Amino acid sequence: FACGLALLSLATHGARYLDFEHFK
């Protein structure tokens, strides 16, 4: 499960994020 999450994380290449106004 942890490896699968790591793959999903890598697949975003930093192009996806949660925007909390003052920080992401």
mmCIF file of all heavy atoms, coordinates in Angstrom:
data_MODEL
# 
_entry.id   MODEL 
# 
loop_
_atom_site.group_PDB 
_atom_site.id 
_atom_site.type_symbol 
_atom_site.label_atom_id 
_atom_site.label_alt_id 
_atom_site.label_comp_id 
_atom_site.label_asym_id 
_atom_site.label_entity_id 
_atom_site.label_seq_id 
_atom_site.pdbx_PDB_ins_code 
_atom_site.Cartn_x 
_atom_site.Cartn_y 
_atom_site.Cartn_z 
_atom_site.occupancy 
_atom_site.B_iso_or_equiv 
_atom_site.pdbx_formal_charge 
_atom_site.auth_seq_id 
_atom_site.auth_comp_id 
_atom_site.auth_asym_id 
_atom_site.auth_atom_id 
_atom_site.pdbx_PDB_model_num 
ATOM 1   N N   . PHE A 1 1  ? 0.834  -1.202 0.000   1.00 0.00 ? 1  PHE A N   1 
ATOM 2   C CA  . PHE A 1 1  ? 0.000  0.000  0.000   1.00 0.00 ? 1  PHE A CA  1 
ATOM 3   C C   . PHE A 1 1  ? 0.868  1.252  0.000   1.00 0.00 ? 1  PHE A C   1 
ATOM 4   O O   . PHE A 1 1  ? 0.610  2.209  -0.748  1.00 0.00 ? 1  PHE A O   1 
ATOM 5   C CB  . PHE A 1 1  ? -0.929 0.000  1.218   1.00 0.00 ? 1  PHE A CB  1 
ATOM 6   C CG  . PHE A 1 1  ? -1.988 1.074  1.173   1.00 0.00 ? 1  PHE A CG  1 
ATOM 7   C CD1 . PHE A 1 1  ? -3.139 0.879  0.431   1.00 0.00 ? 1  PHE A CD1 1 
ATOM 8   C CD2 . PHE A 1 1  ? -1.825 2.268  1.862   1.00 0.00 ? 1  PHE A CD2 1 
ATOM 9   C CE1 . PHE A 1 1  ? -4.126 1.874  0.380   1.00 0.00 ? 1  PHE A CE1 1 
ATOM 10  C CE2 . PHE A 1 1  ? -2.797 3.257  1.812   1.00 0.00 ? 1  PHE A CE2 1 
ATOM 11  C CZ  . PHE A 1 1  ? -3.959 3.058  1.067   1.00 0.00 ? 1  PHE A CZ  1 
ATOM 12  N N   . ALA A 1 2  ? 1.917  1.243  0.818   1.00 0.00 ? 2  ALA A N   1 
ATOM 13  C CA  . ALA A 1 2  ? 2.830  2.386  0.879   1.00 0.00 ? 2  ALA A CA  1 
ATOM 14  C C   . ALA A 1 2  ? 3.541  2.588  -0.458  1.00 0.00 ? 2  ALA A C   1 
ATOM 15  O O   . ALA A 1 2  ? 3.736  3.723  -0.909  1.00 0.00 ? 2  ALA A O   1 
ATOM 16  C CB  . ALA A 1 2  ? 3.846  2.179  1.993   1.00 0.00 ? 2  ALA A CB  1 
ATOM 17  N N   . CYS A 1 3  ? 3.933  1.484  -1.100  1.00 0.00 ? 3  CYS A N   1 
ATOM 18  C CA  . CYS A 1 3  ? 4.586  1.586  -2.409  1.00 0.00 ? 3  CYS A CA  1 
ATOM 19  C C   . CYS A 1 3  ? 3.631  2.158  -3.449  1.00 0.00 ? 3  CYS A C   1 
ATOM 20  O O   . CYS A 1 3  ? 4.031  2.959  -4.302  1.00 0.00 ? 3  CYS A O   1 
ATOM 21  C CB  . CYS A 1 3  ? 5.089  0.217  -2.857  1.00 0.00 ? 3  CYS A CB  1 
ATOM 22  S SG  . CYS A 1 3  ? 6.522  -0.391 -1.929  1.00 0.00 ? 3  CYS A SG  1 
ATOM 23  N N   . GLY A 1 4  ? 2.369  1.747  -3.397  1.00 0.00 ? 4  GLY A N   1 
ATOM 24  C CA  . GLY A 1 4  ? 1.374  2.281  -4.318  1.00 0.00 ? 4  GLY A CA  1 
ATOM 25  C C   . GLY A 1 4  ? 1.181  3.775  -4.142  1.00 0.00 ? 4  GLY A C   1 
ATOM 26  O O   . GLY A 1 4  ? 1.077  4.528  -5.113  1.00 0.00 ? 4  GLY A O   1 
ATOM 27  N N   . LEU A 1 5  ? 1.152  4.228  -2.887  1.00 0.00 ? 5  LEU A N   1 
ATOM 28  C CA  . LEU A 1 5  ? 1.028  5.663  -2.617  1.00 0.00 ? 5  LEU A CA  1 
ATOM 29  C C   . LEU A 1 5  ? 2.245  6.429  -3.135  1.00 0.00 ? 5  LEU A C   1 
ATOM 30  O O   . LEU A 1 5  ? 2.115  7.542  -3.660  1.00 0.00 ? 5  LEU A O   1 
ATOM 31  C CB  . LEU A 1 5  ? 0.867  5.908  -1.115  1.00 0.00 ? 5  LEU A CB  1 
ATOM 32  C CG  . LEU A 1 5  ? -0.465 5.472  -0.492  1.00 0.00 ? 5  LEU A CG  1 
ATOM 33  C CD1 . LEU A 1 5  ? -0.455 5.795  0.993   1.00 0.00 ? 5  LEU A CD1 1 
ATOM 34  C CD2 . LEU A 1 5  ? -1.641 6.164  -1.172  1.00 0.00 ? 5  LEU A CD2 1 
ATOM 35  N N   . ALA A 1 6  ? 3.429  5.828  -2.980  1.00 0.00 ? 6  ALA A N   1 
ATOM 36  C CA  . ALA A 1 6  ? 4.644  6.471  -3.489  1.00 0.00 ? 6  ALA A CA  1 
ATOM 37  C C   . ALA A 1 6  ? 4.572  6.640  -5.005  1.00 0.00 ? 6  ALA A C   1 
ATOM 38  O O   . ALA A 1 6  ? 4.990  7.662  -5.551  1.00 0.00 ? 6  ALA A O   1 
ATOM 39  C CB  . ALA A 1 6  ? 5.874  5.661  -3.099  1.00 0.00 ? 6  ALA A CB  1 
ATOM 40  N N   . LEU A 1 7  ? 4.028  5.635  -5.703  1.00 0.00 ? 7  LEU A N   1 
ATOM 41  C CA  . LEU A 1 7  ? 3.873  5.736  -7.155  1.00 0.00 ? 7  LEU A CA  1 
ATOM 42  C C   . LEU A 1 7  ? 2.903  6.852  -7.533  1.00 0.00 ? 7  LEU A C   1 
ATOM 43  O O   . LEU A 1 7  ? 3.154  7.622  -8.476  1.00 0.00 ? 7  LEU A O   1 
ATOM 44  C CB  . LEU A 1 7  ? 3.380  4.413  -7.731  1.00 0.00 ? 7  LEU A CB  1 
ATOM 45  C CG  . LEU A 1 7  ? 4.394  3.284  -7.833  1.00 0.00 ? 7  LEU A CG  1 
ATOM 46  C CD1 . LEU A 1 7  ? 3.710  2.009  -8.316  1.00 0.00 ? 7  LEU A CD1 1 
ATOM 47  C CD2 . LEU A 1 7  ? 5.534  3.655  -8.778  1.00 0.00 ? 7  LEU A CD2 1 
ATOM 48  N N   . LEU A 1 8  ? 1.786  6.949  -6.821  1.00 0.00 ? 8  LEU A N   1 
ATOM 49  C CA  . LEU A 1 8  ? 0.829  8.026  -7.089  1.00 0.00 ? 8  LEU A CA  1 
ATOM 50  C C   . LEU A 1 8  ? 1.471  9.388  -6.850  1.00 0.00 ? 8  LEU A C   1 
ATOM 51  O O   . LEU A 1 8  ? 1.264  10.333 -7.617  1.00 0.00 ? 8  LEU A O   1 
ATOM 52  C CB  . LEU A 1 8  ? -0.403 7.868  -6.197  1.00 0.00 ? 8  LEU A CB  1 
ATOM 53  C CG  . LEU A 1 8  ? -1.416 6.799  -6.603  1.00 0.00 ? 8  LEU A CG  1 
ATOM 54  C CD1 . LEU A 1 8  ? -2.545 6.734  -5.591  1.00 0.00 ? 8  LEU A CD1 1 
ATOM 55  C CD2 . LEU A 1 8  ? -1.983 7.089  -7.992  1.00 0.00 ? 8  LEU A CD2 1 
ATOM 56  N N   . SER A 1 9  ? 2.238  9.480  -5.784  1.00 0.00 ? 9  SER A N   1 
ATOM 57  C CA  . SER A 1 9  ? 2.944  10.721 -5.478  1.00 0.00 ? 9  SER A CA  1 
ATOM 58  C C   . SER A 1 9  ? 3.877  11.091 -6.619  1.00 0.00 ? 9  SER A C   1 
ATOM 59  O O   . SER A 1 9  ? 3.890  12.230 -7.105  1.00 0.00 ? 9  SER A O   1 
ATOM 60  C CB  . SER A 1 9  ? 3.733  10.560 -4.172  1.00 0.00 ? 9  SER A CB  1 
ATOM 61  O OG  . SER A 1 9  ? 4.564  11.673 -3.924  1.00 0.00 ? 9  SER A OG  1 
ATOM 62  N N   . LEU A 1 10 ? 4.664  10.117 -7.081  1.00 0.00 ? 10 LEU A N   1 
ATOM 63  C CA  . LEU A 1 10 ? 5.614  10.359 -8.159  1.00 0.00 ? 10 LEU A CA  1 
ATOM 64  C C   . LEU A 1 10 ? 4.902  10.739 -9.456  1.00 0.00 ? 10 LEU A C   1 
ATOM 65  O O   . LEU A 1 10 ? 5.384  11.588 -10.218 1.00 0.00 ? 10 LEU A O   1 
ATOM 66  C CB  . LEU A 1 10 ? 6.475  9.116  -8.369  1.00 0.00 ? 10 LEU A CB  1 
ATOM 67  C CG  . LEU A 1 10 ? 7.570  9.180  -9.427  1.00 0.00 ? 10 LEU A CG  1 
ATOM 68  C CD1 . LEU A 1 10 ? 8.572  10.280 -9.108  1.00 0.00 ? 10 LEU A CD1 1 
ATOM 69  C CD2 . LEU A 1 10 ? 8.281  7.828  -9.546  1.00 0.00 ? 10 LEU A CD2 1 
ATOM 70  N N   . ALA A 1 11 ? 3.750  10.133 -9.711  1.00 0.00 ? 11 ALA A N   1 
ATOM 71  C CA  . ALA A 1 11 ? 3.024  10.369 -10.961 1.00 0.00 ? 11 ALA A CA  1 
ATOM 72  C C   . ALA A 1 11 ? 2.560  11.815 -11.098 1.00 0.00 ? 11 ALA A C   1 
ATOM 73  O O   . ALA A 1 11 ? 2.369  12.306 -12.216 1.00 0.00 ? 11 ALA A O   1 
ATOM 74  C CB  . ALA A 1 11 ? 1.826  9.430  -11.060 1.00 0.00 ? 11 ALA A CB  1 
ATOM 75  N N   . THR A 1 12 ? 2.376  12.522 -10.004 1.00 0.00 ? 12 THR A N   1 
ATOM 76  C CA  . THR A 1 12 ? 1.930  13.916 -10.085 1.00 0.00 ? 12 THR A CA  1 
ATOM 77  C C   . THR A 1 12 ? 3.043  14.844 -10.561 1.00 0.00 ? 12 THR A C   1 
ATOM 78  O O   . THR A 1 12 ? 2.776  15.923 -11.086 1.00 0.00 ? 12 THR A O   1 
ATOM 79  C CB  . THR A 1 12 ? 1.436  14.431 -8.726  1.00 0.00 ? 12 THR A CB  1 
ATOM 80  O OG1 . THR A 1 12 ? 2.530  14.589 -7.818  1.00 0.00 ? 12 THR A OG1 1 
ATOM 81  C CG2 . THR A 1 12 ? 0.391  13.503 -8.133  1.00 0.00 ? 12 THR A CG2 1 
ATOM 82  N N   . HIS A 1 13 ? 4.303  14.468 -10.332 1.00 0.00 ? 13 HIS A N   1 
ATOM 83  C CA  . HIS A 1 13 ? 5.451  15.311 -10.674 1.00 0.00 ? 13 HIS A CA  1 
ATOM 84  C C   . HIS A 1 13 ? 5.285  16.733 -10.144 1.00 0.00 ? 13 HIS A C   1 
ATOM 85  O O   . HIS A 1 13 ? 5.727  17.694 -10.772 1.00 0.00 ? 13 HIS A O   1 
ATOM 86  C CB  . HIS A 1 13 ? 5.671  15.335 -12.191 1.00 0.00 ? 13 HIS A CB  1 
ATOM 87  C CG  . HIS A 1 13 ? 6.123  14.031 -12.742 1.00 0.00 ? 13 HIS A CG  1 
ATOM 88  N ND1 . HIS A 1 13 ? 5.443  13.367 -13.750 1.00 0.00 ? 13 HIS A ND1 1 
ATOM 89  C CD2 . HIS A 1 13 ? 7.164  13.228 -12.423 1.00 0.00 ? 13 HIS A CD2 1 
ATOM 90  C CE1 . HIS A 1 13 ? 6.054  12.223 -14.023 1.00 0.00 ? 13 HIS A CE1 1 
ATOM 91  N NE2 . HIS A 1 13 ? 7.106  12.112 -13.224 1.00 0.00 ? 13 HIS A NE2 1 
ATOM 92  N N   . GLY A 1 14 ? 4.634  16.836 -8.996  1.00 0.00 ? 14 GLY A N   1 
ATOM 93  C CA  . GLY A 1 14 ? 4.489  18.146 -8.368  1.00 0.00 ? 14 GLY A CA  1 
ATOM 94  C C   . GLY A 1 14 ? 3.468  19.052 -9.015  1.00 0.00 ? 14 GLY A C   1 
ATOM 95  O O   . GLY A 1 14 ? 3.363  20.231 -8.668  1.00 0.00 ? 14 GLY A O   1 
ATOM 96  N N   . ALA A 1 15 ? 2.678  18.533 -9.962  1.00 0.00 ? 15 ALA A N   1 
ATOM 97  C CA  . ALA A 1 15 ? 1.705  19.368 -10.668 1.00 0.00 ? 15 ALA A CA  1 
ATOM 98  C C   . ALA A 1 15 ? 0.346  19.401 -9.974  1.00 0.00 ? 15 ALA A C   1 
ATOM 99  O O   . ALA A 1 15 ? -0.545 20.126 -10.392 1.00 0.00 ? 15 ALA A O   1 
ATOM 100 C CB  . ALA A 1 15 ? 1.523  18.860 -12.100 1.00 0.00 ? 15 ALA A CB  1 
ATOM 101 N N   . ARG A 1 16 ? 0.173  18.622 -8.909  1.00 0.00 ? 16 ARG A N   1 
ATOM 102 C CA  . ARG A 1 16 ? -1.078 18.593 -8.158  1.00 0.00 ? 16 ARG A CA  1 
ATOM 103 C C   . ARG A 1 16 ? -0.798 18.945 -6.707  1.00 0.00 ? 16 ARG A C   1 
ATOM 104 O O   . ARG A 1 16 ? 0.206  18.532 -6.144  1.00 0.00 ? 16 ARG A O   1 
ATOM 105 C CB  . ARG A 1 16 ? -1.730 17.204 -8.248  1.00 0.00 ? 16 ARG A CB  1 
ATOM 106 C CG  . ARG A 1 16 ? -2.127 16.794 -9.659  1.00 0.00 ? 16 ARG A CG  1 
ATOM 107 C CD  . ARG A 1 16 ? -3.266 17.648 -10.184 1.00 0.00 ? 16 ARG A CD  1 
ATOM 108 N NE  . ARG A 1 16 ? -3.670 17.242 -11.532 1.00 0.00 ? 16 ARG A NE  1 
ATOM 109 C CZ  . ARG A 1 16 ? -3.209 17.790 -12.645 1.00 0.00 ? 16 ARG A CZ  1 
ATOM 110 N NH1 . ARG A 1 16 ? -2.297 18.769 -12.550 1.00 0.00 ? 16 ARG A NH1 1 
ATOM 111 N NH2 . ARG A 1 16 ? -3.615 17.395 -13.825 1.00 0.00 ? 16 ARG A NH2 1 
ATOM 112 N N   . TYR A 1 17 ? -1.708 19.698 -6.125  1.00 0.00 ? 17 TYR A N   1 
ATOM 113 C CA  . TYR A 1 17 ? -1.518 20.113 -4.735  1.00 0.00 ? 17 TYR A CA  1 
ATOM 114 C C   . TYR A 1 17 ? -2.864 20.562 -4.159  1.00 0.00 ? 17 TYR A C   1 
ATOM 115 O O   . TYR A 1 17 ? -3.833 20.802 -4.894  1.00 0.00 ? 17 TYR A O   1 
ATOM 116 C CB  . TYR A 1 17 ? -0.499 21.251 -4.634  1.00 0.00 ? 17 TYR A CB  1 
ATOM 117 C CG  . TYR A 1 17 ? -0.802 22.451 -5.507  1.00 0.00 ? 17 TYR A CG  1 
ATOM 118 C CD1 . TYR A 1 17 ? -1.680 23.449 -5.084  1.00 0.00 ? 17 TYR A CD1 1 
ATOM 119 C CD2 . TYR A 1 17 ? -0.224 22.579 -6.772  1.00 0.00 ? 17 TYR A CD2 1 
ATOM 120 C CE1 . TYR A 1 17 ? -1.971 24.537 -5.881  1.00 0.00 ? 17 TYR A CE1 1 
ATOM 121 C CE2 . TYR A 1 17 ? -0.502 23.662 -7.580  1.00 0.00 ? 17 TYR A CE2 1 
ATOM 122 C CZ  . TYR A 1 17 ? -1.385 24.646 -7.127  1.00 0.00 ? 17 TYR A CZ  1 
ATOM 123 O OH  . TYR A 1 17 ? -1.671 25.710 -7.932  1.00 0.00 ? 17 TYR A OH  1 
ATOM 124 N N   . LEU A 1 18 ? -2.913 20.667 -2.841  1.00 0.00 ? 18 LEU A N   1 
ATOM 125 C CA  . LEU A 1 18 ? -4.074 21.226 -2.148  1.00 0.00 ? 18 LEU A CA  1 
ATOM 126 C C   . LEU A 1 18 ? -3.756 22.676 -1.823  1.00 0.00 ? 18 LEU A C   1 
ATOM 127 O O   . LEU A 1 18 ? -2.722 22.974 -1.210  1.00 0.00 ? 18 LEU A O   1 
ATOM 128 C CB  . LEU A 1 18 ? -4.354 20.445 -0.856  1.00 0.00 ? 18 LEU A CB  1 
ATOM 129 C CG  . LEU A 1 18 ? -4.756 18.976 -1.028  1.00 0.00 ? 18 LEU A CG  1 
ATOM 130 C CD1 . LEU A 1 18 ? -4.916 18.312 0.340   1.00 0.00 ? 18 LEU A CD1 1 
ATOM 131 C CD2 . LEU A 1 18 ? -6.047 18.853 -1.828  1.00 0.00 ? 18 LEU A CD2 1 
ATOM 132 N N   . ASP A 1 19 ? -4.641 23.575 -2.234  1.00 0.00 ? 19 ASP A N   1 
ATOM 133 C CA  . ASP A 1 19 ? -4.404 25.011 -2.043  1.00 0.00 ? 19 ASP A CA  1 
ATOM 134 C C   . ASP A 1 19 ? -5.126 25.491 -0.790  1.00 0.00 ? 19 ASP A C   1 
ATOM 135 O O   . ASP A 1 19 ? -6.351 25.467 -0.711  1.00 0.00 ? 19 ASP A O   1 
ATOM 136 C CB  . ASP A 1 19 ? -4.903 25.777 -3.270  1.00 0.00 ? 19 ASP A CB  1 
ATOM 137 C CG  . ASP A 1 19 ? -4.387 27.216 -3.293  1.00 0.00 ? 19 ASP A CG  1 
ATOM 138 O OD1 . ASP A 1 19 ? -3.936 27.704 -2.236  1.00 0.00 ? 19 ASP A OD1 1 
ATOM 139 O OD2 . ASP A 1 19 ? -4.434 27.839 -4.367  1.00 0.00 ? 19 ASP A OD2 1 
ATOM 140 N N   . PHE A 1 20 ? -4.358 25.925 0.198   1.00 0.00 ? 20 PHE A N   1 
ATOM 141 C CA  . PHE A 1 20 ? -4.909 26.446 1.439   1.00 0.00 ? 20 PHE A CA  1 
ATOM 142 C C   . PHE A 1 20 ? -4.653 27.949 1.564   1.00 0.00 ? 20 PHE A C   1 
ATOM 143 O O   . PHE A 1 20 ? -4.364 28.454 2.650   1.00 0.00 ? 20 PHE A O   1 
ATOM 144 C CB  . PHE A 1 20 ? -4.306 25.700 2.635   1.00 0.00 ? 20 PHE A CB  1 
ATOM 145 C CG  . PHE A 1 20 ? -4.787 24.291 2.765   1.00 0.00 ? 20 PHE A CG  1 
ATOM 146 C CD1 . PHE A 1 20 ? -4.035 23.236 2.259   1.00 0.00 ? 20 PHE A CD1 1 
ATOM 147 C CD2 . PHE A 1 20 ? -5.997 24.000 3.367   1.00 0.00 ? 20 PHE A CD2 1 
ATOM 148 C CE1 . PHE A 1 20 ? -4.480 21.931 2.371   1.00 0.00 ? 20 PHE A CE1 1 
ATOM 149 C CE2 . PHE A 1 20 ? -6.450 22.695 3.490   1.00 0.00 ? 20 PHE A CE2 1 
ATOM 150 C CZ  . PHE A 1 20 ? -5.693 21.649 2.990   1.00 0.00 ? 20 PHE A CZ  1 
ATOM 151 N N   . GLU A 1 21 ? -4.779 28.635 0.434   1.00 0.00 ? 21 GLU A N   1 
ATOM 152 C CA  . GLU A 1 21 ? -4.624 30.088 0.374   1.00 0.00 ? 21 GLU A CA  1 
ATOM 153 C C   . GLU A 1 21 ? -3.207 30.534 0.726   1.00 0.00 ? 21 GLU A C   1 
ATOM 154 O O   . GLU A 1 21 ? -2.447 30.949 -0.123  1.00 0.00 ? 21 GLU A O   1 
ATOM 155 C CB  . GLU A 1 21 ? -5.650 30.792 1.285   1.00 0.00 ? 21 GLU A CB  1 
ATOM 156 C CG  . GLU A 1 21 ? -7.096 30.519 0.911   1.00 0.00 ? 21 GLU A CG  1 
ATOM 157 C CD  . GLU A 1 21 ? -7.484 31.153 -0.414  1.00 0.00 ? 21 GLU A CD  1 
ATOM 158 O OE1 . GLU A 1 21 ? -6.818 32.110 -0.843  1.00 0.00 ? 21 GLU A OE1 1 
ATOM 159 O OE2 . GLU A 1 21 ? -8.456 30.671 -1.020  1.00 0.00 ? 21 GLU A OE2 1 
ATOM 160 N N   . HIS A 1 22 ? -2.841 30.484 1.995   1.00 0.00 ? 22 HIS A N   1 
ATOM 161 C CA  . HIS A 1 22 ? -1.527 30.966 2.421   1.00 0.00 ? 22 HIS A CA  1 
ATOM 162 C C   . HIS A 1 22 ? -0.411 29.954 2.147   1.00 0.00 ? 22 HIS A C   1 
ATOM 163 O O   . HIS A 1 22 ? 0.762  30.287 2.228   1.00 0.00 ? 22 HIS A O   1 
ATOM 164 C CB  . HIS A 1 22 ? -1.528 31.324 3.913   1.00 0.00 ? 22 HIS A CB  1 
ATOM 165 C CG  . HIS A 1 22 ? -2.411 32.493 4.225   1.00 0.00 ? 22 HIS A CG  1 
ATOM 166 N ND1 . HIS A 1 22 ? -2.167 33.762 3.747   1.00 0.00 ? 22 HIS A ND1 1 
ATOM 167 C CD2 . HIS A 1 22 ? -3.548 32.585 4.953   1.00 0.00 ? 22 HIS A CD2 1 
ATOM 168 C CE1 . HIS A 1 22 ? -3.105 34.585 4.179   1.00 0.00 ? 22 HIS A CE1 1 
ATOM 169 N NE2 . HIS A 1 22 ? -3.961 33.895 4.908   1.00 0.00 ? 22 HIS A NE2 1 
ATOM 170 N N   . PHE A 1 23 ? -0.777 28.721 1.879   1.00 0.00 ? 23 PHE A N   1 
ATOM 171 C CA  . PHE A 1 23 ? 0.238  27.705 1.576   1.00 0.00 ? 23 PHE A CA  1 
ATOM 172 C C   . PHE A 1 23 ? -0.389 26.585 0.760   1.00 0.00 ? 23 PHE A C   1 
ATOM 173 O O   . PHE A 1 23 ? -1.609 26.444 0.693   1.00 0.00 ? 23 PHE A O   1 
ATOM 174 C CB  . PHE A 1 23 ? 0.861  27.141 2.863   1.00 0.00 ? 23 PHE A CB  1 
ATOM 175 C CG  . PHE A 1 23 ? -0.129 26.445 3.763   1.00 0.00 ? 23 PHE A CG  1 
ATOM 176 C CD1 . PHE A 1 23 ? -0.325 25.076 3.669   1.00 0.00 ? 23 PHE A CD1 1 
ATOM 177 C CD2 . PHE A 1 23 ? -0.857 27.164 4.713   1.00 0.00 ? 23 PHE A CD2 1 
ATOM 178 C CE1 . PHE A 1 23 ? -1.233 24.423 4.496   1.00 0.00 ? 23 PHE A CE1 1 
ATOM 179 C CE2 . PHE A 1 23 ? -1.763 26.520 5.537   1.00 0.00 ? 23 PHE A CE2 1 
ATOM 180 C CZ  . PHE A 1 23 ? -1.950 25.164 5.435   1.00 0.00 ? 23 PHE A CZ  1 
ATOM 181 N N   . LYS A 1 24 ? 0.470  25.805 0.131   1.00 0.00 ? 24 LYS A N   1 
ATOM 182 C CA  . LYS A 1 24 ? 0.027  24.668 -0.675  1.00 0.00 ? 24 LYS A CA  1 
ATOM 183 C C   . LYS A 1 24 ? 0.637  23.388 -0.109  1.00 0.00 ? 24 LYS A C   1 
ATOM 184 O O   . LYS A 1 24 ? 1.773  23.392 0.358   1.00 0.00 ? 24 LYS A O   1 
ATOM 185 C CB  . LYS A 1 24 ? 0.448  24.840 -2.136  1.00 0.00 ? 24 LYS A CB  1 
ATOM 186 C CG  . LYS A 1 24 ? -0.196 26.024 -2.851  1.00 0.00 ? 24 LYS A CG  1 
ATOM 187 C CD  . LYS A 1 24 ? 0.313  26.118 -4.274  1.00 0.00 ? 24 LYS A CD  1 
ATOM 188 C CE  . LYS A 1 24 ? -0.403 27.214 -5.064  1.00 0.00 ? 24 LYS A CE  1 
ATOM 189 N NZ  . LYS A 1 24 ? -0.122 28.569 -4.516  1.00 0.00 ? 24 LYS A NZ  1 
# 
